[in-house]
Protein backbone atom coordinates (compact mmCIF):
# COMPACT_ATOMS: atom_id res chain seq x y z
CA UNK A 1 0.00 0.00 0.00
CA UNK A 2 1.29 3.45 -0.93
CA UNK A 3 2.12 5.75 2.01
CA UNK A 4 1.72 9.49 1.73
CA UNK A 5 3.71 12.06 3.63
CA UNK A 6 1.59 14.49 5.67
CA UNK A 7 2.45 18.18 5.59
CA UNK A 8 0.44 20.60 7.72
CA UNK A 9 0.81 24.24 6.72
CA UNK A 10 1.63 26.75 9.43
CA UNK A 11 -1.85 28.22 8.97
CA UNK A 12 -3.47 24.83 9.58
CA UNK A 13 -1.27 24.27 12.63
CA UNK A 14 -2.45 27.63 13.97
CA UNK A 15 -6.06 26.59 13.26
CA UNK A 16 -5.59 23.48 15.39
CA UNK A 17 -3.98 25.46 18.21
CA UNK A 18 -6.85 27.97 18.09
CA UNK A 19 -9.44 25.18 18.29
CA UNK A 20 -7.65 23.66 21.27
CA UNK A 21 -7.34 27.02 23.07
CA UNK A 22 -10.98 27.93 22.42
CA UNK A 23 -12.37 24.60 23.64
CA UNK A 24 -10.06 24.55 26.67
CA UNK A 25 -11.22 28.04 27.63
CA UNK A 26 -14.94 27.74 26.84
CA UNK A 27 -15.39 24.08 27.84
CA UNK A 28 -12.71 21.95 29.51
CA UNK A 29 -9.07 21.09 28.83
CA UNK A 30 -10.12 17.42 28.72
CA UNK A 31 -12.55 18.07 25.87
CA UNK A 32 -9.89 20.15 24.11
CA UNK A 33 -7.48 17.18 24.38
CA UNK A 34 -10.17 14.81 23.06
CA UNK A 35 -10.77 17.03 20.02
CA UNK A 36 -7.04 17.50 19.44
CA UNK A 37 -6.39 13.75 19.59
CA UNK A 38 -9.20 13.02 17.14
CA UNK A 39 -8.17 15.74 14.69
CA UNK A 40 -4.58 14.55 14.76
CA UNK A 41 -5.64 10.93 14.22
CA UNK A 42 -7.91 11.95 11.36
CA UNK A 43 -5.16 13.94 9.65
CA UNK A 44 -2.51 11.25 10.17
CA UNK A 45 -4.88 8.60 8.77
CA UNK A 46 -4.69 10.44 5.44
CA UNK A 47 -1.24 8.91 4.97
CA UNK A 48 -3.00 5.62 4.15
CA UNK A 49 -6.08 6.65 2.16
CA UNK A 50 -6.18 10.34 1.27
CA UNK A 51 -8.56 9.75 -1.64
CA UNK A 52 -11.37 8.88 0.79
CA UNK A 53 -12.03 12.56 1.50
CA UNK A 54 -14.79 14.26 -0.44
CA UNK A 55 -14.70 17.56 -2.30
CA UNK A 56 -15.69 20.55 -0.15
CA UNK A 57 -19.10 21.61 -1.47
CA UNK A 58 -18.13 25.31 -1.47
CA UNK A 59 -15.33 24.52 -3.92
CA UNK A 60 -17.04 21.75 -5.83
CA UNK A 61 -19.89 24.01 -6.97
CA UNK A 62 -17.23 26.27 -8.48
CA UNK A 63 -15.71 23.33 -10.35
CA UNK A 64 -12.63 23.17 -8.10
CA UNK A 65 -11.70 19.53 -7.57
CA UNK A 66 -8.10 19.73 -6.36
CA UNK A 67 -8.99 19.91 -2.67
CA UNK A 68 -10.65 17.34 -0.45
CA UNK A 69 -11.87 17.30 3.11
CA UNK A 70 -12.37 14.94 6.01
CA UNK A 71 -14.59 15.76 8.96
CA UNK A 72 -14.59 15.26 12.70
CA UNK A 73 -17.85 17.11 13.34
CA UNK A 74 -18.00 20.03 13.35
CA UNK A 75 -14.34 20.38 12.35
CA UNK A 76 -13.21 20.16 8.74
CA UNK A 77 -9.67 19.44 7.54
CA UNK A 78 -9.21 20.63 3.96
CA UNK A 79 -6.23 19.30 2.04
CA UNK A 80 -4.79 18.56 -1.35
CA UNK A 81 -2.87 15.58 -2.64
CA UNK A 82 0.33 16.44 -4.48
CA UNK A 83 2.39 13.48 -5.68
CA UNK A 84 3.13 11.47 -2.50
CA UNK A 85 2.23 14.29 -0.11
CA UNK A 86 -1.00 15.31 1.59
CA UNK A 87 -0.94 19.04 2.32
CA UNK A 88 -3.42 20.17 4.97
CA UNK A 89 -4.39 23.80 4.36
CA UNK A 90 -7.19 24.36 6.87
CA UNK A 91 -8.57 22.72 9.97
CA UNK A 92 -11.53 24.75 11.12
CA UNK A 93 -14.97 24.66 12.68
CA UNK A 94 -17.34 24.04 9.79
CA UNK A 95 -19.94 26.36 11.33
CA UNK A 96 -17.79 29.35 10.41
CA UNK A 97 -18.19 31.32 7.19
CA UNK A 98 -16.37 28.75 5.07
CA UNK A 99 -16.51 30.67 1.81
CA UNK A 100 -14.66 33.63 3.34
CA UNK A 101 -12.05 31.32 4.85
CA UNK A 102 -11.56 29.46 1.59
CA UNK A 103 -11.26 32.71 -0.37
CA UNK A 104 -8.58 33.98 2.00
CA UNK A 105 -6.61 30.79 2.36
CA UNK A 106 -7.06 28.69 -0.77
CA UNK A 107 -8.55 30.78 -3.55
CA UNK A 108 -6.07 33.65 -3.24
PDB file of N, CA and C in Angstrom:
ATOM      1  N   UNK A   1       0.838  -1.174   0.000  1.00  0.00           N
ATOM      2  CA  UNK A   1       0.000   0.000   0.000  1.00  0.00           C
ATOM      3  C   UNK A   1       0.892   1.249   0.000  1.00  0.00           C
ATOM      4  N   UNK A   2       0.529   2.210  -0.811  1.00  0.00           N
ATOM      5  CA  UNK A   2       1.285   3.454  -0.931  1.00  0.00           C
ATOM      6  C   UNK A   2       1.084   4.304   0.327  1.00  0.00           C
ATOM      7  N   UNK A   3       2.173   4.854   0.846  1.00  0.00           N
ATOM      8  CA  UNK A   3       2.116   5.747   2.006  1.00  0.00           C
ATOM      9  C   UNK A   3       2.355   7.174   1.534  1.00  0.00           C
ATOM     10  N   UNK A   4       1.571   8.085   2.045  1.00  0.00           N
ATOM     11  CA  UNK A   4       1.716   9.490   1.727  1.00  0.00           C
ATOM     12  C   UNK A   4       2.336  10.220   2.911  1.00  0.00           C
ATOM     13  N   UNK A   5       3.162  11.196   2.593  1.00  0.00           N
ATOM     14  CA  UNK A   5       3.713  12.062   3.631  1.00  0.00           C
ATOM     15  C   UNK A   5       2.652  13.106   3.971  1.00  0.00           C
ATOM     16  N   UNK A   6       2.536  13.471   5.237  1.00  0.00           N
ATOM     17  CA  UNK A   6       1.586  14.489   5.669  1.00  0.00           C
ATOM     18  C   UNK A   6       2.342  15.778   5.944  1.00  0.00           C
ATOM     19  N   UNK A   7       1.886  16.853   5.328  1.00  0.00           N
ATOM     20  CA  UNK A   7       2.445  18.183   5.592  1.00  0.00           C
ATOM     21  C   UNK A   7       1.293  19.074   6.039  1.00  0.00           C
ATOM     22  N   UNK A   8       1.458  19.689   7.199  1.00  0.00           N
ATOM     23  CA  UNK A   8       0.443  20.602   7.719  1.00  0.00           C
ATOM     24  C   UNK A   8       1.011  22.011   7.600  1.00  0.00           C
ATOM     25  N   UNK A   9       0.320  22.871   6.882  1.00  0.00           N
ATOM     26  CA  UNK A   9       0.809  24.237   6.719  1.00  0.00           C
ATOM     27  C   UNK A   9       0.810  24.938   8.075  1.00  0.00           C
ATOM     28  N   UNK A  10       1.586  25.999   8.175  1.00  0.00           N
ATOM     29  CA  UNK A  10       1.634  26.750   9.433  1.00  0.00           C
ATOM     30  C   UNK A  10       0.261  27.339   9.757  1.00  0.00           C
ATOM     31  N   UNK A  11      -0.500  27.700   8.734  1.00  0.00           N
ATOM     32  CA  UNK A  11      -1.852  28.224   8.966  1.00  0.00           C
ATOM     33  C   UNK A  11      -2.756  27.149   9.564  1.00  0.00           C
ATOM     34  N   UNK A  12      -2.659  25.928   9.056  1.00  0.00           N
ATOM     35  CA  UNK A  12      -3.474  24.834   9.581  1.00  0.00           C
ATOM     36  C   UNK A  12      -3.045  24.467  11.003  1.00  0.00           C
ATOM     37  N   UNK A  13      -1.739  24.522  11.270  1.00  0.00           N
ATOM     38  CA  UNK A  13      -1.266  24.272  12.634  1.00  0.00           C
ATOM     39  C   UNK A  13      -1.847  25.306  13.594  1.00  0.00           C
ATOM     40  N   UNK A  14      -1.869  26.560  13.150  1.00  0.00           N
ATOM     41  CA  UNK A  14      -2.452  27.635  13.967  1.00  0.00           C
ATOM     42  C   UNK A  14      -3.942  27.392  14.169  1.00  0.00           C
ATOM     43  N   UNK A  15      -4.632  26.920  13.133  1.00  0.00           N
ATOM     44  CA  UNK A  15      -6.057  26.588  13.259  1.00  0.00           C
ATOM     45  C   UNK A  15      -6.272  25.580  14.385  1.00  0.00           C
ATOM     46  N   UNK A  16      -5.453  24.537  14.391  1.00  0.00           N
ATOM     47  CA  UNK A  16      -5.593  23.476  15.390  1.00  0.00           C
ATOM     48  C   UNK A  16      -5.313  24.018  16.788  1.00  0.00           C
ATOM     49  N   UNK A  17      -4.282  24.841  16.913  1.00  0.00           N
ATOM     50  CA  UNK A  17      -3.980  25.459  18.211  1.00  0.00           C
ATOM     51  C   UNK A  17      -5.144  26.330  18.680  1.00  0.00           C
ATOM     52  N   UNK A  18      -5.720  27.095  17.749  1.00  0.00           N
ATOM     53  CA  UNK A  18      -6.847  27.969  18.093  1.00  0.00           C
ATOM     54  C   UNK A  18      -8.062  27.162  18.549  1.00  0.00           C
ATOM     55  N   UNK A  19      -8.325  26.050  17.878  1.00  0.00           N
ATOM     56  CA  UNK A  19      -9.439  25.182  18.286  1.00  0.00           C
ATOM     57  C   UNK A  19      -9.197  24.671  19.703  1.00  0.00           C
ATOM     58  N   UNK A  20      -7.987  24.177  19.941  1.00  0.00           N
ATOM     59  CA  UNK A  20      -7.649  23.657  21.271  1.00  0.00           C
ATOM     60  C   UNK A  20      -7.833  24.747  22.332  1.00  0.00           C
ATOM     61  N   UNK A  21      -7.263  25.926  22.098  1.00  0.00           N
ATOM     62  CA  UNK A  21      -7.343  27.019  23.072  1.00  0.00           C
ATOM     63  C   UNK A  21      -8.789  27.430  23.335  1.00  0.00           C
ATOM     64  N   UNK A  22      -9.586  27.525  22.275  1.00  0.00           N
ATOM     65  CA  UNK A  22     -10.976  27.932  22.418  1.00  0.00           C
ATOM     66  C   UNK A  22     -11.761  26.914  23.251  1.00  0.00           C
ATOM     67  N   UNK A  23     -11.620  25.636  22.917  1.00  0.00           N
ATOM     68  CA  UNK A  23     -12.367  24.603  23.637  1.00  0.00           C
ATOM     69  C   UNK A  23     -11.891  24.510  25.090  1.00  0.00           C
ATOM     70  N   UNK A  24     -10.587  24.607  25.311  1.00  0.00           N
ATOM     71  CA  UNK A  24     -10.061  24.549  26.675  1.00  0.00           C
ATOM     72  C   UNK A  24     -10.596  25.697  27.524  1.00  0.00           C
ATOM     73  N   UNK A  25     -10.738  26.865  26.909  1.00  0.00           N
ATOM     74  CA  UNK A  25     -11.216  28.042  27.633  1.00  0.00           C
ATOM     75  C   UNK A  25     -12.732  28.021  27.834  1.00  0.00           C
ATOM     76  N   UNK A  26     -13.477  27.673  26.786  1.00  0.00           N
ATOM     77  CA  UNK A  26     -14.943  27.735  26.836  1.00  0.00           C
ATOM     78  C   UNK A  26     -15.589  26.473  27.393  1.00  0.00           C
ATOM     79  N   UNK A  27     -14.855  25.359  27.370  1.00  0.00           N
ATOM     80  CA  UNK A  27     -15.389  24.083  27.842  1.00  0.00           C
ATOM     81  C   UNK A  27     -14.428  23.544  28.903  1.00  0.00           C
ATOM     82  N   UNK A  28     -13.695  22.501  28.567  1.00  0.00           N
ATOM     83  CA  UNK A  28     -12.713  21.953  29.512  1.00  0.00           C
ATOM     84  C   UNK A  28     -11.442  21.560  28.771  1.00  0.00           C
ATOM     85  N   UNK A  29     -10.301  21.561  29.468  1.00  0.00           N
ATOM     86  CA  UNK A  29      -9.070  21.089  28.834  1.00  0.00           C
ATOM     87  C   UNK A  29      -9.175  19.624  28.387  1.00  0.00           C
ATOM     88  N   UNK A  30      -9.953  18.826  29.103  1.00  0.00           N
ATOM     89  CA  UNK A  30     -10.118  17.421  28.725  1.00  0.00           C
ATOM     90  C   UNK A  30     -10.826  17.302  27.372  1.00  0.00           C
ATOM     91  N   UNK A  31     -11.857  18.106  27.167  1.00  0.00           N
ATOM     92  CA  UNK A  31     -12.545  18.074  25.873  1.00  0.00           C
ATOM     93  C   UNK A  31     -11.651  18.620  24.766  1.00  0.00           C
ATOM     94  N   UNK A  32     -10.838  19.615  25.093  1.00  0.00           N
ATOM     95  CA  UNK A  32      -9.890  20.146  24.106  1.00  0.00           C
ATOM     96  C   UNK A  32      -8.887  19.061  23.700  1.00  0.00           C
ATOM     97  N   UNK A  33      -8.407  18.289  24.669  1.00  0.00           N
ATOM     98  CA  UNK A  33      -7.482  17.177  24.381  1.00  0.00           C
ATOM     99  C   UNK A  33      -8.157  16.117  23.511  1.00  0.00           C
ATOM    100  N   UNK A  34      -9.407  15.806  23.825  1.00  0.00           N
ATOM    101  CA  UNK A  34     -10.175  14.814  23.062  1.00  0.00           C
ATOM    102  C   UNK A  34     -10.283  15.251  21.594  1.00  0.00           C
ATOM    103  N   UNK A  35     -10.632  16.512  21.385  1.00  0.00           N
ATOM    104  CA  UNK A  35     -10.770  17.028  20.017  1.00  0.00           C
ATOM    105  C   UNK A  35      -9.419  17.024  19.318  1.00  0.00           C
ATOM    106  N   UNK A  36      -8.377  17.488  20.011  1.00  0.00           N
ATOM    107  CA  UNK A  36      -7.040  17.503  19.437  1.00  0.00           C
ATOM    108  C   UNK A  36      -6.593  16.106  19.024  1.00  0.00           C
ATOM    109  N   UNK A  37      -6.787  15.137  19.908  1.00  0.00           N
ATOM    110  CA  UNK A  37      -6.394  13.753  19.594  1.00  0.00           C
ATOM    111  C   UNK A  37      -7.125  13.234  18.365  1.00  0.00           C
ATOM    112  N   UNK A  38      -8.425  13.507  18.282  1.00  0.00           N
ATOM    113  CA  UNK A  38      -9.204  13.019  17.141  1.00  0.00           C
ATOM    114  C   UNK A  38      -8.841  13.724  15.842  1.00  0.00           C
ATOM    115  N   UNK A  39      -8.591  15.020  15.906  1.00  0.00           N
ATOM    116  CA  UNK A  39      -8.170  15.741  14.695  1.00  0.00           C
ATOM    117  C   UNK A  39      -6.816  15.245  14.210  1.00  0.00           C
ATOM    118  N   UNK A  40      -5.892  15.051  15.144  1.00  0.00           N
ATOM    119  CA  UNK A  40      -4.576  14.552  14.757  1.00  0.00           C
ATOM    120  C   UNK A  40      -4.667  13.153  14.157  1.00  0.00           C
ATOM    121  N   UNK A  41      -5.466  12.284  14.754  1.00  0.00           N
ATOM    122  CA  UNK A  41      -5.643  10.928  14.220  1.00  0.00           C
ATOM    123  C   UNK A  41      -6.257  10.964  12.824  1.00  0.00           C
ATOM    124  N   UNK A  42      -7.257  11.821  12.655  1.00  0.00           N
ATOM    125  CA  UNK A  42      -7.915  11.949  11.363  1.00  0.00           C
ATOM    126  C   UNK A  42      -6.921  12.402  10.297  1.00  0.00           C
ATOM    127  N   UNK A  43      -6.132  13.420  10.610  1.00  0.00           N
ATOM    128  CA  UNK A  43      -5.161  13.938   9.651  1.00  0.00           C
ATOM    129  C   UNK A  43      -4.083  12.901   9.357  1.00  0.00           C
ATOM    130  N   UNK A  44      -3.563  12.259  10.386  1.00  0.00           N
ATOM    131  CA  UNK A  44      -2.514  11.255  10.166  1.00  0.00           C
ATOM    132  C   UNK A  44      -3.027  10.052   9.378  1.00  0.00           C
ATOM    133  N   UNK A  45      -4.314   9.735   9.513  1.00  0.00           N
ATOM    134  CA  UNK A  45      -4.876   8.602   8.767  1.00  0.00           C
ATOM    135  C   UNK A  45      -4.888   8.860   7.262  1.00  0.00           C
ATOM    136  N   UNK A  46      -4.740  10.121   6.867  1.00  0.00           N
ATOM    137  CA  UNK A  46      -4.692  10.443   5.442  1.00  0.00           C
ATOM    138  C   UNK A  46      -3.447   9.877   4.773  1.00  0.00           C
ATOM    139  N   UNK A  47      -2.448   9.494   5.561  1.00  0.00           N
ATOM    140  CA  UNK A  47      -1.236   8.909   4.968  1.00  0.00           C
ATOM    141  C   UNK A  47      -1.534   7.569   4.304  1.00  0.00           C
ATOM    142  N   UNK A  48      -2.606   6.933   4.713  1.00  0.00           N
ATOM    143  CA  UNK A  48      -2.997   5.622   4.148  1.00  0.00           C
ATOM    144  C   UNK A  48      -3.975   5.764   2.984  1.00  0.00           C
ATOM    145  N   UNK A  49      -5.006   6.567   3.168  1.00  0.00           N
ATOM    146  CA  UNK A  49      -6.077   6.648   2.163  1.00  0.00           C
ATOM    147  C   UNK A  49      -6.573   8.094   1.985  1.00  0.00           C
ATOM    148  N   UNK A  50      -5.755   8.942   1.408  1.00  0.00           N
ATOM    149  CA  UNK A  50      -6.182  10.338   1.269  1.00  0.00           C
ATOM    150  C   UNK A  50      -7.328  10.536   0.283  1.00  0.00           C
ATOM    151  N   UNK A  51      -7.500   9.600  -0.642  1.00  0.00           N
ATOM    152  CA  UNK A  51      -8.564   9.745  -1.638  1.00  0.00           C
ATOM    153  C   UNK A  51      -9.957   9.589  -1.043  1.00  0.00           C
ATOM    154  N   UNK A  52     -10.053   9.112   0.190  1.00  0.00           N
ATOM    155  CA  UNK A  52     -11.369   8.883   0.793  1.00  0.00           C
ATOM    156  C   UNK A  52     -12.113  10.175   1.103  1.00  0.00           C
ATOM    157  N   UNK A  53     -11.383  11.287   1.224  1.00  0.00           N
ATOM    158  CA  UNK A  53     -12.032  12.560   1.497  1.00  0.00           C
ATOM    159  C   UNK A  53     -12.910  12.988   0.333  1.00  0.00           C
ATOM    160  N   UNK A  54     -13.924  13.775   0.632  1.00  0.00           N
ATOM    161  CA  UNK A  54     -14.789  14.264  -0.444  1.00  0.00           C
ATOM    162  C   UNK A  54     -14.445  15.714  -0.771  1.00  0.00           C
ATOM    163  N   UNK A  55     -14.964  16.189  -1.872  1.00  0.00           N
ATOM    164  CA  UNK A  55     -14.697  17.557  -2.299  1.00  0.00           C
ATOM    165  C   UNK A  55     -15.523  18.511  -1.450  1.00  0.00           C
ATOM    166  N   UNK A  56     -14.915  19.564  -0.912  1.00  0.00           N
ATOM    167  CA  UNK A  56     -15.691  20.546  -0.148  1.00  0.00           C
ATOM    168  C   UNK A  56     -16.774  21.142  -1.049  1.00  0.00           C
ATOM    169  N   UNK A  57     -18.015  21.150  -0.597  1.00  0.00           N
ATOM    170  CA  UNK A  57     -19.102  21.614  -1.469  1.00  0.00           C
ATOM    171  C   UNK A  57     -18.923  23.059  -1.938  1.00  0.00           C
ATOM    172  N   UNK A  58     -18.335  23.913  -1.095  1.00  0.00           N
ATOM    173  CA  UNK A  58     -18.133  25.314  -1.474  1.00  0.00           C
ATOM    174  C   UNK A  58     -17.189  25.443  -2.665  1.00  0.00           C
ATOM    175  N   UNK A  59     -16.258  24.507  -2.790  1.00  0.00           N
ATOM    176  CA  UNK A  59     -15.327  24.524  -3.919  1.00  0.00           C
ATOM    177  C   UNK A  59     -15.868  23.722  -5.097  1.00  0.00           C
ATOM    178  N   UNK A  60     -16.511  22.623  -4.792  1.00  0.00           N
ATOM    179  CA  UNK A  60     -17.036  21.746  -5.835  1.00  0.00           C
ATOM    180  C   UNK A  60     -18.033  22.467  -6.735  1.00  0.00           C
ATOM    181  N   UNK A  61     -18.894  23.300  -6.148  1.00  0.00           N
ATOM    182  CA  UNK A  61     -19.890  24.006  -6.972  1.00  0.00           C
ATOM    183  C   UNK A  61     -19.240  25.031  -7.901  1.00  0.00           C
ATOM    184  N   UNK A  62     -17.982  25.362  -7.607  1.00  0.00           N
ATOM    185  CA  UNK A  62     -17.233  26.271  -8.480  1.00  0.00           C
ATOM    186  C   UNK A  62     -16.355  25.492  -9.455  1.00  0.00           C
ATOM    187  N   UNK A  63     -16.475  24.163  -9.439  1.00  0.00           N
ATOM    188  CA  UNK A  63     -15.709  23.327 -10.353  1.00  0.00           C
ATOM    189  C   UNK A  63     -14.284  23.058  -9.892  1.00  0.00           C
ATOM    190  N   UNK A  64     -13.973  23.388  -8.634  1.00  0.00           N
ATOM    191  CA  UNK A  64     -12.626  23.173  -8.101  1.00  0.00           C
ATOM    192  C   UNK A  64     -12.577  21.794  -7.454  1.00  0.00           C
ATOM    193  N   UNK A  65     -11.759  20.919  -8.029  1.00  0.00           N
ATOM    194  CA  UNK A  65     -11.705  19.533  -7.566  1.00  0.00           C
ATOM    195  C   UNK A  65     -10.303  19.127  -7.103  1.00  0.00           C
ATOM    196  N   UNK A  66      -9.448  20.090  -6.793  1.00  0.00           N
ATOM    197  CA  UNK A  66      -8.098  19.731  -6.365  1.00  0.00           C
ATOM    198  C   UNK A  66      -7.972  19.599  -4.849  1.00  0.00           C
ATOM    199  N   UNK A  67      -9.017  19.992  -4.132  1.00  0.00           N
ATOM    200  CA  UNK A  67      -8.991  19.911  -2.673  1.00  0.00           C
ATOM    201  C   UNK A  67     -10.035  18.915  -2.194  1.00  0.00           C
ATOM    202  N   UNK A  68      -9.732  18.297  -1.069  1.00  0.00           N
ATOM    203  CA  UNK A  68     -10.648  17.344  -0.445  1.00  0.00           C
ATOM    204  C   UNK A  68     -10.772  17.703   1.029  1.00  0.00           C
ATOM    205  N   UNK A  69     -11.724  17.061   1.684  1.00  0.00           N
ATOM    206  CA  UNK A  69     -11.869  17.296   3.111  1.00  0.00           C
ATOM    207  C   UNK A  69     -12.293  16.026   3.825  1.00  0.00           C
ATOM    208  N   UNK A  70     -11.893  15.961   5.090  1.00  0.00           N
ATOM    209  CA  UNK A  70     -12.374  14.944   6.011  1.00  0.00           C
ATOM    210  C   UNK A  70     -12.921  15.698   7.216  1.00  0.00           C
ATOM    211  N   UNK A  71     -13.862  15.058   7.903  1.00  0.00           N
ATOM    212  CA  UNK A  71     -14.592  15.758   8.956  1.00  0.00           C
ATOM    213  C   UNK A  71     -14.574  14.976  10.260  1.00  0.00           C
ATOM    214  N   UNK A  72     -14.318  15.700  11.332  1.00  0.00           N
ATOM    215  CA  UNK A  72     -14.593  15.258  12.700  1.00  0.00           C
ATOM    216  C   UNK A  72     -15.519  16.337  13.226  1.00  0.00           C
ATOM    217  N   UNK A  73     -16.827  16.074  13.121  1.00  0.00           N
ATOM    218  CA  UNK A  73     -17.847  17.108  13.336  1.00  0.00           C
ATOM    219  C   UNK A  73     -17.615  17.874  14.616  1.00  0.00           C
ATOM    220  N   UNK A  74     -17.706  19.197  14.516  1.00  0.00           N
ATOM    221  CA  UNK A  74     -18.004  20.032  13.348  1.00  0.00           C
ATOM    222  C   UNK A  74     -16.750  20.508  12.608  1.00  0.00           C
ATOM    223  N   UNK A  75     -15.613  19.900  12.900  1.00  0.00           N
ATOM    224  CA  UNK A  75     -14.341  20.376  12.347  1.00  0.00           C
ATOM    225  C   UNK A  75     -14.051  19.749  10.982  1.00  0.00           C
ATOM    226  N   UNK A  76     -13.510  20.576  10.105  1.00  0.00           N
ATOM    227  CA  UNK A  76     -13.209  20.159   8.739  1.00  0.00           C
ATOM    228  C   UNK A  76     -11.729  20.376   8.457  1.00  0.00           C
ATOM    229  N   UNK A  77     -11.067  19.344   7.972  1.00  0.00           N
ATOM    230  CA  UNK A  77      -9.674  19.444   7.544  1.00  0.00           C
ATOM    231  C   UNK A  77      -9.679  19.421   6.017  1.00  0.00           C
ATOM    232  N   UNK A  78      -9.218  20.495   5.413  1.00  0.00           N
ATOM    233  CA  UNK A  78      -9.215  20.626   3.960  1.00  0.00           C
ATOM    234  C   UNK A  78      -7.780  20.511   3.465  1.00  0.00           C
ATOM    235  N   UNK A  79      -7.580  19.643   2.484  1.00  0.00           N
ATOM    236  CA  UNK A  79      -6.234  19.299   2.036  1.00  0.00           C
ATOM    237  C   UNK A  79      -6.204  19.052   0.545  1.00  0.00           C
ATOM    238  N   UNK A  80      -4.982  18.964   0.034  1.00  0.00           N
ATOM    239  CA  UNK A  80      -4.794  18.564  -1.354  1.00  0.00           C
ATOM    240  C   UNK A  80      -3.755  17.452  -1.390  1.00  0.00           C
ATOM    241  N   UNK A  81      -3.833  16.659  -2.430  1.00  0.00           N
ATOM    242  CA  UNK A  81      -2.873  15.577  -2.637  1.00  0.00           C
ATOM    243  C   UNK A  81      -1.957  16.005  -3.771  1.00  0.00           C
ATOM    244  N   UNK A  82      -0.657  16.039  -3.488  1.00  0.00           N
ATOM    245  CA  UNK A  82       0.326  16.439  -4.484  1.00  0.00           C
ATOM    246  C   UNK A  82       1.428  15.380  -4.499  1.00  0.00           C
ATOM    247  N   UNK A  83       1.457  14.594  -5.572  1.00  0.00           N
ATOM    248  CA  UNK A  83       2.392  13.475  -5.684  1.00  0.00           C
ATOM    249  C   UNK A  83       2.204  12.535  -4.496  1.00  0.00           C
ATOM    250  N   UNK A  84       3.216  12.374  -3.654  1.00  0.00           N
ATOM    251  CA  UNK A  84       3.128  11.471  -2.502  1.00  0.00           C
ATOM    252  C   UNK A  84       2.922  12.231  -1.196  1.00  0.00           C
ATOM    253  N   UNK A  85       2.388  13.451  -1.291  1.00  0.00           N
ATOM    254  CA  UNK A  85       2.226  14.293  -0.106  1.00  0.00           C
ATOM    255  C   UNK A  85       0.786  14.768   0.021  1.00  0.00           C
ATOM    256  N   UNK A  86       0.288  14.729   1.239  1.00  0.00           N
ATOM    257  CA  UNK A  86      -1.002  15.313   1.586  1.00  0.00           C
ATOM    258  C   UNK A  86      -0.700  16.620   2.297  1.00  0.00           C
ATOM    259  N   UNK A  87      -1.191  17.721   1.737  1.00  0.00           N
ATOM    260  CA  UNK A  87      -0.941  19.045   2.316  1.00  0.00           C
ATOM    261  C   UNK A  87      -2.238  19.548   2.923  1.00  0.00           C
ATOM    262  N   UNK A  88      -2.241  19.683   4.252  1.00  0.00           N
ATOM    263  CA  UNK A  88      -3.424  20.170   4.975  1.00  0.00           C
ATOM    264  C   UNK A  88      -3.338  21.693   5.015  1.00  0.00           C
ATOM    265  N   UNK A  89      -4.368  22.349   4.454  1.00  0.00           N
ATOM    266  CA  UNK A  89      -4.386  23.805   4.364  1.00  0.00           C
ATOM    267  C   UNK A  89      -5.227  24.460   5.448  1.00  0.00           C
ATOM    268  N   UNK A  90      -6.290  23.805   5.859  1.00  0.00           N
ATOM    269  CA  UNK A  90      -7.191  24.360   6.873  1.00  0.00           C
ATOM    270  C   UNK A  90      -7.664  23.255   7.790  1.00  0.00           C
ATOM    271  N   UNK A  91      -7.904  23.616   9.028  1.00  0.00           N
ATOM    272  CA  UNK A  91      -8.565  22.724   9.970  1.00  0.00           C
ATOM    273  C   UNK A  91      -9.409  23.631  10.843  1.00  0.00           C
ATOM    274  N   UNK A  92     -10.685  23.737  10.502  1.00  0.00           N
ATOM    275  CA  UNK A  92     -11.534  24.755  11.124  1.00  0.00           C
ATOM    276  C   UNK A  92     -12.907  24.206  11.479  1.00  0.00           C
ATOM    277  N   UNK A  93     -13.584  24.968  12.318  1.00  0.00           N
ATOM    278  CA  UNK A  93     -14.967  24.661  12.676  1.00  0.00           C
ATOM    279  C   UNK A  93     -15.831  24.938  11.451  1.00  0.00           C
ATOM    280  N   UNK A  94     -16.525  23.932  10.988  1.00  0.00           N
ATOM    281  CA  UNK A  94     -17.340  24.045   9.785  1.00  0.00           C
ATOM    282  C   UNK A  94     -18.535  24.965   9.926  1.00  0.00           C
ATOM    283  N   UNK A  95     -18.819  25.437  11.132  1.00  0.00           N
ATOM    284  CA  UNK A  95     -19.939  26.360  11.329  1.00  0.00           C
ATOM    285  C   UNK A  95     -19.535  27.795  11.023  1.00  0.00           C
ATOM    286  N   UNK A  96     -18.257  28.004  10.761  1.00  0.00           N
ATOM    287  CA  UNK A  96     -17.791  29.349  10.410  1.00  0.00           C
ATOM    288  C   UNK A  96     -18.169  29.669   8.964  1.00  0.00           C
ATOM    289  N   UNK A  97     -17.927  30.899   8.568  1.00  0.00           N
ATOM    290  CA  UNK A  97     -18.187  31.321   7.193  1.00  0.00           C
ATOM    291  C   UNK A  97     -17.102  30.703   6.309  1.00  0.00           C
ATOM    292  N   UNK A  98     -17.370  29.513   5.813  1.00  0.00           N
ATOM    293  CA  UNK A  98     -16.367  28.750   5.074  1.00  0.00           C
ATOM    294  C   UNK A  98     -15.946  29.432   3.779  1.00  0.00           C
ATOM    295  N   UNK A  99     -16.868  30.049   3.091  1.00  0.00           N
ATOM    296  CA  UNK A  99     -16.510  30.671   1.813  1.00  0.00           C
ATOM    297  C   UNK A  99     -15.477  31.770   2.025  1.00  0.00           C
ATOM    298  N   UNK A 100     -15.643  32.576   3.057  1.00  0.00           N
ATOM    299  CA  UNK A 100     -14.658  33.633   3.337  1.00  0.00           C
ATOM    300  C   UNK A 100     -13.303  33.031   3.676  1.00  0.00           C
ATOM    301  N   UNK A 101     -13.301  31.984   4.495  1.00  0.00           N
ATOM    302  CA  UNK A 101     -12.046  31.319   4.850  1.00  0.00           C
ATOM    303  C   UNK A 101     -11.362  30.745   3.615  1.00  0.00           C
ATOM    304  N   UNK A 102     -12.129  30.067   2.789  1.00  0.00           N
ATOM    305  CA  UNK A 102     -11.562  29.459   1.586  1.00  0.00           C
ATOM    306  C   UNK A 102     -11.027  30.517   0.629  1.00  0.00           C
ATOM    307  N   UNK A 103     -11.728  31.632   0.512  1.00  0.00           N
ATOM    308  CA  UNK A 103     -11.264  32.706  -0.371  1.00  0.00           C
ATOM    309  C   UNK A 103      -9.938  33.276   0.134  1.00  0.00           C
ATOM    310  N   UNK A 104      -9.815  33.422   1.446  1.00  0.00           N
ATOM    311  CA  UNK A 104      -8.584  33.981   2.003  1.00  0.00           C
ATOM    312  C   UNK A 104      -7.423  33.009   1.976  1.00  0.00           C
ATOM    313  N   UNK A 105      -7.701  31.732   2.154  1.00  0.00           N
ATOM    314  CA  UNK A 105      -6.612  30.786   2.364  1.00  0.00           C
ATOM    315  C   UNK A 105      -6.304  29.884   1.171  1.00  0.00           C
ATOM    316  N   UNK A 106      -7.285  29.624   0.327  1.00  0.00           N
ATOM    317  CA  UNK A 106      -7.063  28.687  -0.774  1.00  0.00           C
ATOM    318  C   UNK A 106      -7.248  29.350  -2.135  1.00  0.00           C
ATOM    319  N   UNK A 107      -8.226  30.192  -2.249  1.00  0.00           N
ATOM    320  CA  UNK A 107      -8.553  30.782  -3.553  1.00  0.00           C
ATOM    321  C   UNK A 107      -7.878  32.126  -3.777  1.00  0.00           C
ATOM    322  N   UNK A 108      -6.751  32.356  -3.135  1.00  0.00           N
ATOM    323  CA  UNK A 108      -6.065  33.646  -3.241  1.00  0.00           C
ATOM    324  C   UNK A 108      -5.625  33.927  -4.645  1.00  0.00           C
TER     325      UNK A 108
END
